[in-house]
Amino acid sequence: MLTRNLYLGADLGPVLAATSPQGLVAAVTAAYANVRATDFPERARALADEIVHADPHLVGLQEAALWRSQTPAGPGSATHVEYDFLQILLKALAARGKHYKVVGEVTVGSDFEAPRSTPNGLQDIRLTDRDVLLARTDVSVTNAQTGRFQSFLPICRPVLGCPPNPPLRVERGWVAADATVHGRTARVVTTHLEPGSAVVQEAQAGELLTGPLNSTLPTVLLGDLNSDADGSGTQSYARLVAAGFKDAWTATRHRNLGLTCCQAPDLRNPFSTLTRRIDHVLFRGHITARSAHTVGDTQAERTPSGLWPSDHAGVKSVLKLA
């Protein structure tokens, strides 16, 4: 199993914090410049190398971004594809002889569009964020499901037309499926919980427990939970553990920190700046964790131009179904 936040390519905080149309254009221009500079096609090759080396049966992806544009800016939605992170990664895997199928994907965050400045005028840039569950093509997968949480983060800014328009809904979701490996079946769920509100995030963790994680099958949760394993942040991780989930990392690597977040937004910090463990492989039921390792956090795993593969490290774990 592998959980991997791909990093959508920029910090969107300044975009969401803009207080004027001019400020919004400036923030979007800077953010998209960072997306281009962090060069997902190059990073995808490093991410594909990680997956080939780990050879997981299933992969939970977060921030599998789809960036689109419209030139010039104007009415309607941007449809010209600039970067489709999912397809770029699948192509990189196929070039290495590894073939994965998309079990399910859910649009999360917000399908957000705003203008940026170019030498030829304004261009609309549209971000569609997705969580995705991949399975190796030799894995039997049934009962694939996707869903969005009822709990979401509302963002109200005058530059977004709020008020009088309703707040922007920053939604999160999950993908789930039942996977059979060597004749044994487990429910596998991937998610990316809300980082901007502890109340919203913890409510989403509760929805996981009453929703896709509510199974009689052995169950695995892969994801960027934005909840620190040491309890220093939100209580989502603790709530899942209290519900009977075990942590593959602490079960096998309890003396190692296993830090997964975060590198600099430009991914060019010379030394790793990971300080938190918020990406997790959790399991419940008749499952034993054999090993757990982080990926994408060593100098040797950086791209030829010096980019970290993502602003997160990934977590791979070997689990055995009883």
C-alpha atoms as a PDB file:
ATOM      1  CA  MET A   1       0.000   0.000   0.000  1.00  0.00           C
ATOM      2  CA  LEU A   2       1.166   3.535  -0.711  1.00  0.00           C
ATOM      3  CA  THR A   3      -0.271   6.939   0.144  1.00  0.00           C
ATOM      4  CA  ARG A   4       1.075   9.855  -1.880  1.00  0.00           C
ATOM      5  CA  ASN A   5       0.227  13.539  -1.855  1.00  0.00           C
ATOM      6  CA  LEU A   6       1.372  14.753  -5.300  1.00  0.00           C
ATOM      7  CA  TYR A   7       1.381  18.488  -4.388  1.00  0.00           C
ATOM      8  CA  LEU A   8      -0.742  20.575  -6.698  1.00  0.00           C
ATOM      9  CA  GLY A   9       2.228  22.861  -7.316  1.00  0.00           C
ATOM     10  CA  ALA A  10       1.606  26.034  -5.315  1.00  0.00           C
ATOM     11  CA  ASP A  11       0.469  27.465  -2.008  1.00  0.00           C
ATOM     12  CA  LEU A  12      -3.063  28.739  -2.606  1.00  0.00           C
ATOM     13  CA  GLY A  13      -3.219  30.670   0.672  1.00  0.00           C
ATOM     14  CA  PRO A  14      -2.445  34.052  -0.945  1.00  0.00           C
ATOM     15  CA  VAL A  15      -5.089  33.423  -3.627  1.00  0.00           C
ATOM     16  CA  LEU A  16      -7.797  32.732  -1.068  1.00  0.00           C
ATOM     17  CA  ALA A  17      -6.644  35.671   1.059  1.00  0.00           C
ATOM     18  CA  ALA A  18      -6.799  38.255  -1.765  1.00  0.00           C
ATOM     19  CA  THR A  19      -8.888  41.307  -0.867  1.00  0.00           C
ATOM     20  CA  SER A  20      -9.162  43.043  -4.247  1.00  0.00           C
ATOM     21  CA  PRO A  21      -9.495  42.045  -7.906  1.00  0.00           C
ATOM     22  CA  GLN A  22      -5.974  43.323  -8.545  1.00  0.00           C
ATOM     23  CA  GLY A  23      -4.677  41.351  -5.575  1.00  0.00           C
ATOM     24  CA  LEU A  24      -6.431  38.216  -6.816  1.00  0.00           C
ATOM     25  CA  VAL A  25      -4.867  38.517 -10.278  1.00  0.00           C
ATOM     26  CA  ALA A  26      -1.427  39.041  -8.733  1.00  0.00           C
ATOM     27  CA  ALA A  27      -1.849  36.042  -6.416  1.00  0.00           C
ATOM     28  CA  VAL A  28      -3.086  33.749  -9.199  1.00  0.00           C
ATOM     29  CA  THR A  29      -0.243  34.901 -11.444  1.00  0.00           C
ATOM     30  CA  ALA A  30       2.328  34.063  -8.773  1.00  0.00           C
ATOM     31  CA  ALA A  31       0.687  30.747  -7.892  1.00  0.00           C
ATOM     32  CA  TYR A  32       0.539  29.528 -11.468  1.00  0.00           C
ATOM     33  CA  ALA A  33       4.134  30.591 -12.060  1.00  0.00           C
ATOM     34  CA  ASN A  34       5.032  28.323  -9.150  1.00  0.00           C
ATOM     35  CA  VAL A  35       2.978  25.470 -10.655  1.00  0.00           C
ATOM     36  CA  ARG A  36       5.016  25.752 -13.838  1.00  0.00           C
ATOM     37  CA  ALA A  37       8.305  26.064 -11.949  1.00  0.00           C
ATOM     38  CA  THR A  38       7.631  22.961  -9.879  1.00  0.00           C
ATOM     39  CA  ASP A  39       7.342  21.066 -13.191  1.00  0.00           C
ATOM     40  CA  PHE A  40       5.017  18.153 -12.556  1.00  0.00           C
ATOM     41  CA  PRO A  41       6.081  16.213 -15.679  1.00  0.00           C
ATOM     42  CA  GLU A  42       9.609  16.077 -14.244  1.00  0.00           C
ATOM     43  CA  ARG A  43       8.350  15.281 -10.750  1.00  0.00           C
ATOM     44  CA  ALA A  44       6.049  12.581 -12.141  1.00  0.00           C
ATOM     45  CA  ARG A  45       9.075  10.645 -13.337  1.00  0.00           C
ATOM     46  CA  ALA A  46      10.476  10.628  -9.800  1.00  0.00           C
ATOM     47  CA  LEU A  47       7.065   9.702  -8.361  1.00  0.00           C
ATOM     48  CA  ALA A  48       6.738   6.888 -10.898  1.00  0.00           C
ATOM     49  CA  ASP A  49      10.162   5.600  -9.873  1.00  0.00           C
ATOM     50  CA  GLU A  50       8.943   5.485  -6.261  1.00  0.00           C
ATOM     51  CA  ILE A  51       5.888   3.460  -7.241  1.00  0.00           C
ATOM     52  CA  VAL A  52       7.894   1.079  -9.436  1.00  0.00           C
ATOM     53  CA  HIS A  53      10.335   0.453  -6.589  1.00  0.00           C
ATOM     54  CA  ALA A  54       7.588  -0.030  -3.976  1.00  0.00           C
ATOM     55  CA  ASP A  55       5.321  -2.028  -6.345  1.00  0.00           C
ATOM     56  CA  PRO A  56       2.187  -1.481  -4.208  1.00  0.00           C
ATOM     57  CA  HIS A  57      -1.063  -3.254  -5.002  1.00  0.00           C
ATOM     58  CA  LEU A  58      -2.977  -0.021  -4.327  1.00  0.00           C
ATOM     59  CA  VAL A  59      -2.035   3.658  -4.251  1.00  0.00           C
ATOM     60  CA  GLY A  60      -3.988   6.491  -2.654  1.00  0.00           C
ATOM     61  CA  LEU A  61      -3.276   9.822  -4.353  1.00  0.00           C
ATOM     62  CA  GLN A  62      -4.075  13.266  -3.015  1.00  0.00           C
ATOM     63  CA  GLU A  63      -3.789  16.569  -4.916  1.00  0.00           C
ATOM     64  CA  ALA A  64      -3.984  14.854  -8.307  1.00  0.00           C
ATOM     65  CA  ALA A  65      -4.529  18.262  -9.850  1.00  0.00           C
ATOM     66  CA  LEU A  66      -6.055  19.116 -13.201  1.00  0.00           C
ATOM     67  CA  TRP A  67      -4.965  22.585 -14.368  1.00  0.00           C
ATOM     68  CA  ARG A  68      -6.851  24.164 -17.285  1.00  0.00           C
ATOM     69  CA  SER A  69      -6.784  27.548 -18.998  1.00  0.00           C
ATOM     70  CA  GLN A  70      -8.924  29.859 -21.119  1.00  0.00           C
ATOM     71  CA  THR A  71      -7.396  32.555 -23.328  1.00  0.00           C
ATOM     72  CA  PRO A  72      -8.435  35.307 -23.173  1.00  0.00           C
ATOM     73  CA  ALA A  73     -10.153  35.383 -19.786  1.00  0.00           C
ATOM     74  CA  GLY A  74     -13.892  35.663 -20.012  1.00  0.00           C
ATOM     75  CA  PRO A  75     -17.250  33.997 -19.496  1.00  0.00           C
ATOM     76  CA  GLY A  76     -17.561  30.241 -19.284  1.00  0.00           C
ATOM     77  CA  SER A  77     -15.202  27.665 -17.830  1.00  0.00           C
ATOM     78  CA  ALA A  78     -11.603  27.005 -18.835  1.00  0.00           C
ATOM     79  CA  THR A  79     -11.276  23.732 -20.756  1.00  0.00           C
ATOM     80  CA  HIS A  80      -7.790  23.735 -22.311  1.00  0.00           C
ATOM     81  CA  VAL A  81      -5.719  21.196 -20.349  1.00  0.00           C
ATOM     82  CA  GLU A  82      -2.372  22.509 -19.163  1.00  0.00           C
ATOM     83  CA  TYR A  83      -1.446  19.754 -16.707  1.00  0.00           C
ATOM     84  CA  ASP A  84      -3.407  16.595 -15.870  1.00  0.00           C
ATOM     85  CA  PHE A  85      -1.359  15.192 -13.011  1.00  0.00           C
ATOM     86  CA  LEU A  86      -3.165  11.846 -13.034  1.00  0.00           C
ATOM     87  CA  GLN A  87      -2.626  11.157 -16.723  1.00  0.00           C
ATOM     88  CA  ILE A  88       0.960  12.397 -16.610  1.00  0.00           C
ATOM     89  CA  LEU A  89       1.717  10.005 -13.733  1.00  0.00           C
ATOM     90  CA  LEU A  90      -0.030   7.040 -15.387  1.00  0.00           C
ATOM     91  CA  LYS A  91       1.942   7.698 -18.583  1.00  0.00           C
ATOM     92  CA  ALA A  92       5.210   7.809 -16.621  1.00  0.00           C
ATOM     93  CA  LEU A  93       4.324   4.496 -14.980  1.00  0.00           C
ATOM     94  CA  ALA A  94       3.445   2.887 -18.300  1.00  0.00           C
ATOM     95  CA  ALA A  95       6.797   4.030 -19.717  1.00  0.00           C
ATOM     96  CA  ARG A  96       8.401   2.005 -16.929  1.00  0.00           C
ATOM     97  CA  GLY A  97       6.318  -1.076 -17.667  1.00  0.00           C
ATOM     98  CA  LYS A  98       3.961  -0.546 -14.703  1.00  0.00           C
ATOM     99  CA  HIS A  99       0.249  -0.388 -15.332  1.00  0.00           C
ATOM    100  CA  TYR A 100      -2.309   0.876 -12.853  1.00  0.00           C
ATOM    101  CA  LYS A 101      -6.033   1.391 -13.274  1.00  0.00           C
ATOM    102  CA  VAL A 102      -8.113   4.179 -11.788  1.00  0.00           C
ATOM    103  CA  VAL A 103     -10.481   2.589  -9.273  1.00  0.00           C
ATOM    104  CA  GLY A 104     -12.185   5.896  -8.528  1.00  0.00           C
ATOM    105  CA  GLU A 105     -11.599   9.610  -8.293  1.00  0.00           C
ATOM    106  CA  VAL A 106     -13.435  12.399  -6.508  1.00  0.00           C
ATOM    107  CA  THR A 107     -13.185  16.145  -7.077  1.00  0.00           C
ATOM    108  CA  VAL A 108     -12.287  17.864  -3.818  1.00  0.00           C
ATOM    109  CA  GLY A 109     -11.190  21.273  -2.552  1.00  0.00           C
ATOM    110  CA  SER A 110     -12.976  23.478  -5.046  1.00  0.00           C
ATOM    111  CA  ASP A 111     -13.185  23.635  -8.815  1.00  0.00           C
ATOM    112  CA  PHE A 112     -11.722  27.140  -8.693  1.00  0.00           C
ATOM    113  CA  GLU A 113     -11.121  29.525 -11.616  1.00  0.00           C
ATOM    114  CA  ALA A 114      -9.600  33.004 -11.622  1.00  0.00           C
ATOM    115  CA  PRO A 115      -7.556  35.207 -13.973  1.00  0.00           C
ATOM    116  CA  ARG A 116      -3.801  35.594 -14.153  1.00  0.00           C
ATOM    117  CA  SER A 117      -1.760  38.214 -15.949  1.00  0.00           C
ATOM    118  CA  THR A 118       0.229  37.321 -19.082  1.00  0.00           C
ATOM    119  CA  PRO A 119       2.165  39.507 -21.555  1.00  0.00           C
ATOM    120  CA  ASN A 120      -0.846  39.210 -23.881  1.00  0.00           C
ATOM    121  CA  GLY A 121      -3.524  40.050 -21.311  1.00  0.00           C
ATOM    122  CA  LEU A 122      -5.576  38.103 -18.799  1.00  0.00           C
ATOM    123  CA  GLN A 123      -5.902  34.330 -18.947  1.00  0.00           C
ATOM    124  CA  ASP A 124      -8.287  32.276 -16.811  1.00  0.00           C
ATOM    125  CA  ILE A 125      -6.649  29.499 -14.809  1.00  0.00           C
ATOM    126  CA  ARG A 126      -8.803  26.703 -13.444  1.00  0.00           C
ATOM    127  CA  LEU A 127      -7.811  24.189 -10.764  1.00  0.00           C
ATOM    128  CA  THR A 128      -9.699  20.951 -10.264  1.00  0.00           C
ATOM    129  CA  ASP A 129      -8.302  19.009  -7.298  1.00  0.00           C
ATOM    130  CA  ARG A 130      -8.877  15.257  -7.043  1.00  0.00           C
ATOM    131  CA  ASP A 131      -8.318  12.311  -4.727  1.00  0.00           C
ATOM    132  CA  VAL A 132      -7.700   9.076  -6.611  1.00  0.00           C
ATOM    133  CA  LEU A 133      -7.387   5.392  -5.779  1.00  0.00           C
ATOM    134  CA  LEU A 134      -5.193   3.371  -8.136  1.00  0.00           C
ATOM    135  CA  ALA A 135      -4.886  -0.409  -8.289  1.00  0.00           C
ATOM    136  CA  ARG A 136      -2.396  -2.561 -10.096  1.00  0.00           C
ATOM    137  CA  THR A 137      -4.088  -4.102 -13.113  1.00  0.00           C
ATOM    138  CA  ASP A 138      -3.606  -7.594 -11.644  1.00  0.00           C
ATOM    139  CA  VAL A 139      -5.659  -6.700  -8.529  1.00  0.00           C
ATOM    140  CA  SER A 140      -9.360  -7.603  -8.477  1.00  0.00           C
ATOM    141  CA  VAL A 141     -11.396  -4.599  -7.320  1.00  0.00           C
ATOM    142  CA  THR A 142     -15.136  -4.460  -6.635  1.00  0.00           C
ATOM    143  CA  ASN A 143     -17.640  -2.157  -4.946  1.00  0.00           C
ATOM    144  CA  ALA A 144     -15.847   1.040  -5.938  1.00  0.00           C
ATOM    145  CA  GLN A 145     -17.430   4.117  -4.345  1.00  0.00           C
ATOM    146  CA  THR A 146     -16.743   7.826  -4.043  1.00  0.00           C
ATOM    147  CA  GLY A 147     -18.274  10.476  -1.833  1.00  0.00           C
ATOM    148  CA  ARG A 148     -17.967  13.990  -0.485  1.00  0.00           C
ATOM    149  CA  PHE A 149     -18.149  14.882   3.175  1.00  0.00           C
ATOM    150  CA  GLN A 150     -21.126  16.820   4.429  1.00  0.00           C
ATOM    151  CA  SER A 151     -18.710  18.905   6.535  1.00  0.00           C
ATOM    152  CA  PHE A 152     -16.875  21.521   4.474  1.00  0.00           C
ATOM    153  CA  LEU A 153     -14.882  24.731   4.928  1.00  0.00           C
ATOM    154  CA  PRO A 154     -16.754  27.893   3.836  1.00  0.00           C
ATOM    155  CA  ILE A 155     -14.638  30.805   2.611  1.00  0.00           C
ATOM    156  CA  CYS A 156     -16.214  34.226   2.269  1.00  0.00           C
ATOM    157  CA  ARG A 157     -14.199  37.048   0.692  1.00  0.00           C
ATOM    158  CA  PRO A 158     -15.463  40.225  -1.017  1.00  0.00           C
ATOM    159  CA  VAL A 159     -13.209  39.494  -3.983  1.00  0.00           C
ATOM    160  CA  LEU A 160     -15.087  36.210  -4.399  1.00  0.00           C
ATOM    161  CA  GLY A 161     -18.397  38.073  -4.380  1.00  0.00           C
ATOM    162  CA  CYS A 162     -19.279  37.086  -0.819  1.00  0.00           C
ATOM    163  CA  PRO A 163     -21.493  38.690   0.348  1.00  0.00           C
ATOM    164  CA  PRO A 164     -24.003  38.806  -1.305  1.00  0.00           C
ATOM    165  CA  ASN A 165     -23.048  35.515  -2.992  1.00  0.00           C
ATOM    166  CA  PRO A 166     -22.751  32.403  -0.812  1.00  0.00           C
ATOM    167  CA  PRO A 167     -19.322  31.381   0.535  1.00  0.00           C
ATOM    168  CA  LEU A 168     -16.946  29.296  -1.529  1.00  0.00           C
ATOM    169  CA  ARG A 169     -17.328  25.675  -0.427  1.00  0.00           C
ATOM    170  CA  VAL A 170     -13.977  23.944   0.054  1.00  0.00           C
ATOM    171  CA  GLU A 171     -15.134  20.343   0.041  1.00  0.00           C
ATOM    172  CA  ARG A 172     -13.265  17.109   0.703  1.00  0.00           C
ATOM    173  CA  GLY A 173     -14.092  13.526  -0.125  1.00  0.00           C
ATOM    174  CA  TRP A 174     -13.005   9.917  -0.289  1.00  0.00           C
ATOM    175  CA  VAL A 175     -12.622   6.952  -2.619  1.00  0.00           C
ATOM    176  CA  ALA A 176     -13.237   3.384  -1.442  1.00  0.00           C
ATOM    177  CA  ALA A 177     -13.174  -0.104  -2.928  1.00  0.00           C
ATOM    178  CA  ASP A 178     -12.906  -3.751  -1.929  1.00  0.00           C
ATOM    179  CA  ALA A 179      -9.631  -5.219  -3.199  1.00  0.00           C
ATOM    180  CA  THR A 180      -8.809  -8.915  -3.404  1.00  0.00           C
ATOM    181  CA  VAL A 181      -5.172  -9.994  -3.273  1.00  0.00           C
ATOM    182  CA  HIS A 182      -4.120 -13.656  -3.085  1.00  0.00           C
ATOM    183  CA  GLY A 183      -7.711 -14.656  -2.423  1.00  0.00           C
ATOM    184  CA  ARG A 184      -8.240 -12.307   0.513  1.00  0.00           C
ATOM    185  CA  THR A 185     -10.344  -9.124   0.435  1.00  0.00           C
ATOM    186  CA  ALA A 186     -10.011  -5.817   2.269  1.00  0.00           C
ATOM    187  CA  ARG A 187     -11.809  -2.494   2.106  1.00  0.00           C
ATOM    188  CA  VAL A 188      -9.360   0.242   1.058  1.00  0.00           C
ATOM    189  CA  VAL A 189     -10.182   3.936   1.462  1.00  0.00           C
ATOM    190  CA  THR A 190      -8.187   7.015   0.516  1.00  0.00           C
ATOM    191  CA  THR A 191      -8.874  10.596   1.590  1.00  0.00           C
ATOM    192  CA  HIS A 192      -7.414  14.065   2.127  1.00  0.00           C
ATOM    193  CA  LEU A 193      -8.867  15.717   5.228  1.00  0.00           C
ATOM    194  CA  GLU A 194      -9.364  19.470   5.612  1.00  0.00           C
ATOM    195  CA  PRO A 195      -6.293  21.363   6.929  1.00  0.00           C
ATOM    196  CA  GLY A 196      -7.997  24.726   7.458  1.00  0.00           C
ATOM    197  CA  SER A 197     -10.375  23.914  10.318  1.00  0.00           C
ATOM    198  CA  ALA A 198      -9.999  21.422  13.154  1.00  0.00           C
ATOM    199  CA  VAL A 199     -13.772  21.325  13.664  1.00  0.00           C
ATOM    200  CA  VAL A 200     -14.443  20.533  10.007  1.00  0.00           C
ATOM    201  CA  GLN A 201     -11.600  18.022   9.793  1.00  0.00           C
ATOM    202  CA  GLU A 202     -12.637  16.098  12.890  1.00  0.00           C
ATOM    203  CA  ALA A 203     -16.216  15.984  11.621  1.00  0.00           C
ATOM    204  CA  GLN A 204     -14.906  14.528   8.359  1.00  0.00           C
ATOM    205  CA  ALA A 205     -13.024  11.845  10.291  1.00  0.00           C
ATOM    206  CA  GLY A 206     -16.302  10.988  11.996  1.00  0.00           C
ATOM    207  CA  GLU A 207     -18.016  10.722   8.607  1.00  0.00           C
ATOM    208  CA  LEU A 208     -15.316   8.303   7.481  1.00  0.00           C
ATOM    209  CA  LEU A 209     -15.990   6.078  10.479  1.00  0.00           C
ATOM    210  CA  THR A 210     -19.738   5.980   9.911  1.00  0.00           C
ATOM    211  CA  GLY A 211     -19.363   5.810   6.114  1.00  0.00           C
ATOM    212  CA  PRO A 212     -16.746   4.025   3.993  1.00  0.00           C
ATOM    213  CA  LEU A 213     -14.741   2.727   6.979  1.00  0.00           C
ATOM    214  CA  ASN A 214     -17.850   1.099   8.465  1.00  0.00           C
ATOM    215  CA  SER A 215     -17.173  -2.359   7.051  1.00  0.00           C
ATOM    216  CA  THR A 216     -16.993  -5.924   8.333  1.00  0.00           C
ATOM    217  CA  LEU A 217     -14.015  -6.470   6.045  1.00  0.00           C
ATOM    218  CA  PRO A 218     -10.442  -5.839   7.128  1.00  0.00           C
ATOM    219  CA  THR A 219     -10.031  -2.142   6.366  1.00  0.00           C
ATOM    220  CA  VAL A 220      -7.149   0.099   5.293  1.00  0.00           C
ATOM    221  CA  LEU A 221      -7.141   3.907   5.286  1.00  0.00           C
ATOM    222  CA  LEU A 222      -4.579   5.687   3.106  1.00  0.00           C
ATOM    223  CA  GLY A 223      -4.306   9.422   3.183  1.00  0.00           C
ATOM    224  CA  ASP A 224      -3.059  12.845   4.012  1.00  0.00           C
ATOM    225  CA  LEU A 225      -5.120  13.276   7.166  1.00  0.00           C
ATOM    226  CA  ASN A 226      -3.560  16.642   8.121  1.00  0.00           C
ATOM    227  CA  SER A 227      -3.607  15.294  11.679  1.00  0.00           C
ATOM    228  CA  ASP A 228      -0.334  14.809  13.543  1.00  0.00           C
ATOM    229  CA  ALA A 229       0.368  11.384  14.958  1.00  0.00           C
ATOM    230  CA  ASP A 230       1.904  12.963  18.075  1.00  0.00           C
ATOM    231  CA  GLY A 231      -1.383  14.642  18.984  1.00  0.00           C
ATOM    232  CA  SER A 232       0.014  18.162  18.629  1.00  0.00           C
ATOM    233  CA  GLY A 233      -2.609  19.193  16.095  1.00  0.00           C
ATOM    234  CA  THR A 234      -6.161  18.023  15.539  1.00  0.00           C
ATOM    235  CA  GLN A 235      -7.788  14.980  17.102  1.00  0.00           C
ATOM    236  CA  SER A 236      -8.720  13.199  13.840  1.00  0.00           C
ATOM    237  CA  TYR A 237      -5.825  10.731  14.054  1.00  0.00           C
ATOM    238  CA  ALA A 238      -6.599  10.005  17.721  1.00  0.00           C
ATOM    239  CA  ARG A 239     -10.271   9.496  16.899  1.00  0.00           C
ATOM    240  CA  LEU A 240      -9.456   6.919  14.239  1.00  0.00           C
ATOM    241  CA  VAL A 241      -7.073   5.097  16.576  1.00  0.00           C
ATOM    242  CA  ALA A 242      -9.720   5.124  19.304  1.00  0.00           C
ATOM    243  CA  ALA A 243     -12.075   3.474  16.817  1.00  0.00           C
ATOM    244  CA  GLY A 244      -9.721   0.524  16.535  1.00  0.00           C
ATOM    245  CA  PHE A 245      -7.370   1.553  13.738  1.00  0.00           C
ATOM    246  CA  LYS A 246      -3.689   0.771  14.057  1.00  0.00           C
ATOM    247  CA  ASP A 247      -0.887   2.778  12.494  1.00  0.00           C
ATOM    248  CA  ALA A 248       1.412   0.811  10.180  1.00  0.00           C
ATOM    249  CA  TRP A 249       4.239   3.196  11.044  1.00  0.00           C
ATOM    250  CA  THR A 250       4.084   2.854  14.815  1.00  0.00           C
ATOM    251  CA  ALA A 251       3.464  -0.887  14.482  1.00  0.00           C
ATOM    252  CA  THR A 252       6.753  -1.371  12.646  1.00  0.00           C
ATOM    253  CA  ARG A 253       8.928   1.747  12.962  1.00  0.00           C
ATOM    254  CA  HIS A 254       8.087   3.147  16.395  1.00  0.00           C
ATOM    255  CA  ARG A 255      11.641   4.402  16.980  1.00  0.00           C
ATOM    256  CA  ASN A 256      11.674   6.421  13.745  1.00  0.00           C
ATOM    257  CA  LEU A 257       9.941   9.757  13.304  1.00  0.00           C
ATOM    258  CA  GLY A 258       8.497   9.078   9.844  1.00  0.00           C
ATOM    259  CA  LEU A 259       8.066  12.774   9.030  1.00  0.00           C
ATOM    260  CA  THR A 260       6.044  13.564   5.899  1.00  0.00           C
ATOM    261  CA  CYS A 261       5.362  17.328   5.763  1.00  0.00           C
ATOM    262  CA  CYS A 262       6.446  19.711   4.332  1.00  0.00           C
ATOM    263  CA  GLN A 263       9.049  20.914   1.844  1.00  0.00           C
ATOM    264  CA  ALA A 264       9.189  24.535   0.631  1.00  0.00           C
ATOM    265  CA  PRO A 265       6.491  25.605  -1.860  1.00  0.00           C
ATOM    266  CA  ASP A 266       9.082  25.874  -4.645  1.00  0.00           C
ATOM    267  CA  LEU A 267      10.422  22.379  -3.799  1.00  0.00           C
ATOM    268  CA  ARG A 268      13.990  23.640  -4.060  1.00  0.00           C
ATOM    269  CA  ASN A 269      14.989  23.811  -0.404  1.00  0.00           C
ATOM    270  CA  PRO A 270      18.483  22.261  -0.272  1.00  0.00           C
ATOM    271  CA  PHE A 271      17.781  20.157   2.800  1.00  0.00           C
ATOM    272  CA  SER A 272      14.576  18.433   3.817  1.00  0.00           C
ATOM    273  CA  THR A 273      12.252  20.555   5.972  1.00  0.00           C
ATOM    274  CA  LEU A 274       9.810  17.806   6.962  1.00  0.00           C
ATOM    275  CA  THR A 275       8.683  18.308  10.571  1.00  0.00           C
ATOM    276  CA  ARG A 276       5.265  16.598  10.864  1.00  0.00           C
ATOM    277  CA  ARG A 277       3.830  13.095  10.404  1.00  0.00           C
ATOM    278  CA  ILE A 278       0.392  13.664   8.884  1.00  0.00           C
ATOM    279  CA  ASP A 279       0.334  11.104   6.038  1.00  0.00           C
ATOM    280  CA  HIS A 280      -0.783   7.715   7.250  1.00  0.00           C
ATOM    281  CA  VAL A 281      -1.470   4.076   6.482  1.00  0.00           C
ATOM    282  CA  LEU A 282      -3.981   2.905   9.086  1.00  0.00           C
ATOM    283  CA  PHE A 283      -5.602  -0.518   9.315  1.00  0.00           C
ATOM    284  CA  ARG A 284      -8.227  -2.415  11.305  1.00  0.00           C
ATOM    285  CA  GLY A 285      -9.306  -6.043  11.452  1.00  0.00           C
ATOM    286  CA  HIS A 286      -7.381  -9.159  10.528  1.00  0.00           C
ATOM    287  CA  ILE A 287      -4.347  -7.371   9.125  1.00  0.00           C
ATOM    288  CA  THR A 288      -0.712  -7.393  10.206  1.00  0.00           C
ATOM    289  CA  ALA A 289       1.753  -4.662   9.293  1.00  0.00           C
ATOM    290  CA  ARG A 290       5.034  -6.117   8.097  1.00  0.00           C
ATOM    291  CA  SER A 291       6.892  -2.901   7.247  1.00  0.00           C
ATOM    292  CA  ALA A 292       6.529   0.822   6.653  1.00  0.00           C
ATOM    293  CA  HIS A 293       8.846   3.310   4.954  1.00  0.00           C
ATOM    294  CA  THR A 294       8.744   6.898   3.763  1.00  0.00           C
ATOM    295  CA  VAL A 295       9.487   7.707   0.123  1.00  0.00           C
ATOM    296  CA  GLY A 296      10.538  10.886  -1.632  1.00  0.00           C
ATOM    297  CA  ASP A 297      12.429  12.364   1.309  1.00  0.00           C
ATOM    298  CA  THR A 298      16.083  11.694   0.475  1.00  0.00           C
ATOM    299  CA  GLN A 299      18.507  13.660  -1.663  1.00  0.00           C
ATOM    300  CA  ALA A 300      18.842  10.702  -4.038  1.00  0.00           C
ATOM    301  CA  GLU A 301      15.119  10.864  -4.823  1.00  0.00           C
ATOM    302  CA  ARG A 302      15.158  14.479  -6.010  1.00  0.00           C
ATOM    303  CA  THR A 303      14.706  15.209  -9.697  1.00  0.00           C
ATOM    304  CA  PRO A 304      17.658  15.984 -11.984  1.00  0.00           C
ATOM    305  CA  SER A 305      16.928  19.722 -11.695  1.00  0.00           C
ATOM    306  CA  GLY A 306      16.831  19.533  -7.884  1.00  0.00           C
ATOM    307  CA  LEU A 307      13.080  19.405  -7.148  1.00  0.00           C
ATOM    308  CA  TRP A 308      11.692  17.311  -4.342  1.00  0.00           C
ATOM    309  CA  PRO A 309       9.097  14.918  -5.835  1.00  0.00           C
ATOM    310  CA  SER A 310       6.396  16.605  -3.708  1.00  0.00           C
ATOM    311  CA  ASP A 311       6.085  18.865  -0.699  1.00  0.00           C
ATOM    312  CA  HIS A 312       5.130  15.683   1.212  1.00  0.00           C
ATOM    313  CA  ALA A 313       6.883  12.385   1.638  1.00  0.00           C
ATOM    314  CA  GLY A 314       4.828   9.331   0.844  1.00  0.00           C
ATOM    315  CA  VAL A 315       4.295   6.310   3.084  1.00  0.00           C
ATOM    316  CA  LYS A 316       4.490   2.749   1.786  1.00  0.00           C
ATOM    317  CA  SER A 317       3.569  -0.225   3.909  1.00  0.00           C
ATOM    318  CA  VAL A 318       3.474  -3.960   3.444  1.00  0.00           C
ATOM    319  CA  LEU A 319       0.334  -5.358   5.044  1.00  0.00           C
ATOM    320  CA  LYS A 320      -0.645  -9.017   5.379  1.00  0.00           C
ATOM    321  CA  LEU A 321      -4.265 -10.101   5.378  1.00  0.00           C
ATOM    322  CA  ALA A 322      -4.884 -12.935   7.829  1.00  0.00           C
END
